[in-house]
Amino acid sequence: MENSLIFLTIVLSVFLAFFLLLGIILLVKSIQIANSVKHITDQADGIVQRAEAAIEFFRKAAGPLAVGKMVTGFVDHMSKSKQDKEES
């Protein structure tokens, strides 16, 4: 009976040591994965901020560009009208 108790104690100790080691390895890998995910989300955040800055730039530039296009169209139209009058 005493031999079986010693054997059982050794087997349980080995299993507990194995699961403890497995838990430590899983914890370390989880921390590494979390750090990788944080790095990826930081990069994505930077990309989003740059995209928002570009959108804001184009939003602010859209008004002056529309006015410039309108003025250019008006000047082209007036030049064409003037040329048509000179040819007639």
Protein backbone atom coordinates (compact mmCIF):
# COMPACT_ATOMS: atom_id res chain seq x y z
CA MET A 1 0.00 0.00 0.00
CA GLU A 2 2.81 2.36 0.83
CA ASN A 3 4.43 1.82 -2.59
CA SER A 4 1.23 2.72 -4.40
CA LEU A 5 0.90 5.95 -2.39
CA ILE A 6 4.48 6.94 -3.24
CA PHE A 7 3.86 6.12 -6.92
CA LEU A 8 0.62 8.13 -6.91
CA THR A 9 2.34 11.07 -5.22
CA ILE A 10 5.13 11.03 -7.81
CA VAL A 11 2.69 10.81 -10.72
CA LEU A 12 0.55 13.67 -9.36
CA SER A 13 3.67 15.78 -8.72
CA VAL A 14 4.86 15.23 -12.30
CA PHE A 15 1.46 16.18 -13.71
CA LEU A 16 1.26 19.27 -11.51
CA ALA A 17 4.78 20.33 -12.55
CA PHE A 18 3.87 19.75 -16.20
CA PHE A 19 0.69 21.82 -15.97
CA LEU A 20 2.50 24.56 -14.04
CA LEU A 21 5.16 24.75 -16.76
CA LEU A 22 2.47 24.70 -19.46
CA GLY A 23 0.62 27.54 -17.69
CA ILE A 24 3.78 29.65 -17.47
CA ILE A 25 4.51 29.10 -21.17
CA LEU A 26 0.93 30.02 -22.12
CA LEU A 27 1.11 33.15 -19.97
CA VAL A 28 4.35 34.29 -21.62
CA LYS A 29 2.97 33.63 -25.11
CA SER A 30 -0.25 35.51 -24.24
CA ILE A 31 1.77 38.52 -23.14
CA GLN A 32 3.78 38.40 -26.38
CA ILE A 33 0.59 38.22 -28.45
CA ALA A 34 -0.94 41.11 -26.50
CA ASN A 35 2.16 43.23 -27.15
CA SER A 36 2.00 42.38 -30.86
CA VAL A 37 -1.67 43.32 -31.01
CA LYS A 38 -0.91 46.61 -29.23
CA HIS A 39 1.82 47.39 -31.76
CA ILE A 40 -0.54 46.65 -34.67
CA THR A 41 -3.33 48.78 -33.21
CA ASP A 42 -0.89 51.65 -32.63
CA GLN A 43 0.15 51.47 -36.30
CA ALA A 44 -3.49 51.35 -37.40
CA ASP A 45 -4.25 54.37 -35.22
CA GLY A 46 -1.40 56.29 -36.88
CA ILE A 47 -2.73 55.40 -40.32
CA VAL A 48 -6.22 56.54 -39.35
CA GLN A 49 -4.90 59.84 -38.00
CA ARG A 50 -2.96 60.50 -41.22
CA ALA A 51 -6.05 59.65 -43.27
CA GLU A 52 -8.15 62.02 -41.17
CA ALA A 53 -5.56 64.77 -41.68
CA ALA A 54 -5.64 64.21 -45.45
CA ILE A 55 -9.44 64.29 -45.47
CA GLU A 56 -9.44 67.51 -43.47
CA PHE A 57 -6.92 69.04 -45.89
CA PHE A 58 -9.07 68.16 -48.91
CA ARG A 59 -12.20 69.37 -47.12
CA LYS A 60 -10.57 72.74 -46.48
CA ALA A 61 -9.14 72.91 -50.01
CA ALA A 62 -12.42 71.95 -51.72
CA GLY A 63 -13.96 75.42 -51.32
CA PRO A 64 -11.07 77.40 -52.84
CA LEU A 65 -10.64 74.80 -55.58
CA ALA A 66 -14.30 75.08 -56.53
CA VAL A 67 -14.03 78.87 -56.66
CA GLY A 68 -10.86 78.60 -58.75
CA LYS A 69 -12.51 76.17 -61.14
CA MET A 70 -15.52 78.46 -61.44
CA VAL A 71 -13.29 81.48 -62.17
CA THR A 72 -11.28 79.49 -64.72
CA GLY A 73 -14.47 78.36 -66.42
CA PHE A 74 -15.75 81.94 -66.49
CA VAL A 75 -12.47 83.25 -67.96
CA ASP A 76 -12.45 80.48 -70.58
CA HIS A 77 -16.04 81.26 -71.48
CA MET A 78 -15.32 84.98 -71.77
CA SER A 79 -12.21 84.34 -73.88
CA LYS A 80 -14.17 82.06 -76.17
CA SER A 81 -16.98 84.61 -76.48
CA LYS A 82 -14.45 87.34 -77.29
CA GLN A 83 -12.78 85.19 -79.95
CA ASP A 84 -16.15 84.35 -81.48
CA LYS A 85 -17.01 88.08 -81.69
CA GLU A 86 -13.65 88.93 -83.29
CA GLU A 87 -14.06 86.20 -85.94
CA SER A 88 -17.52 87.40 -86.92
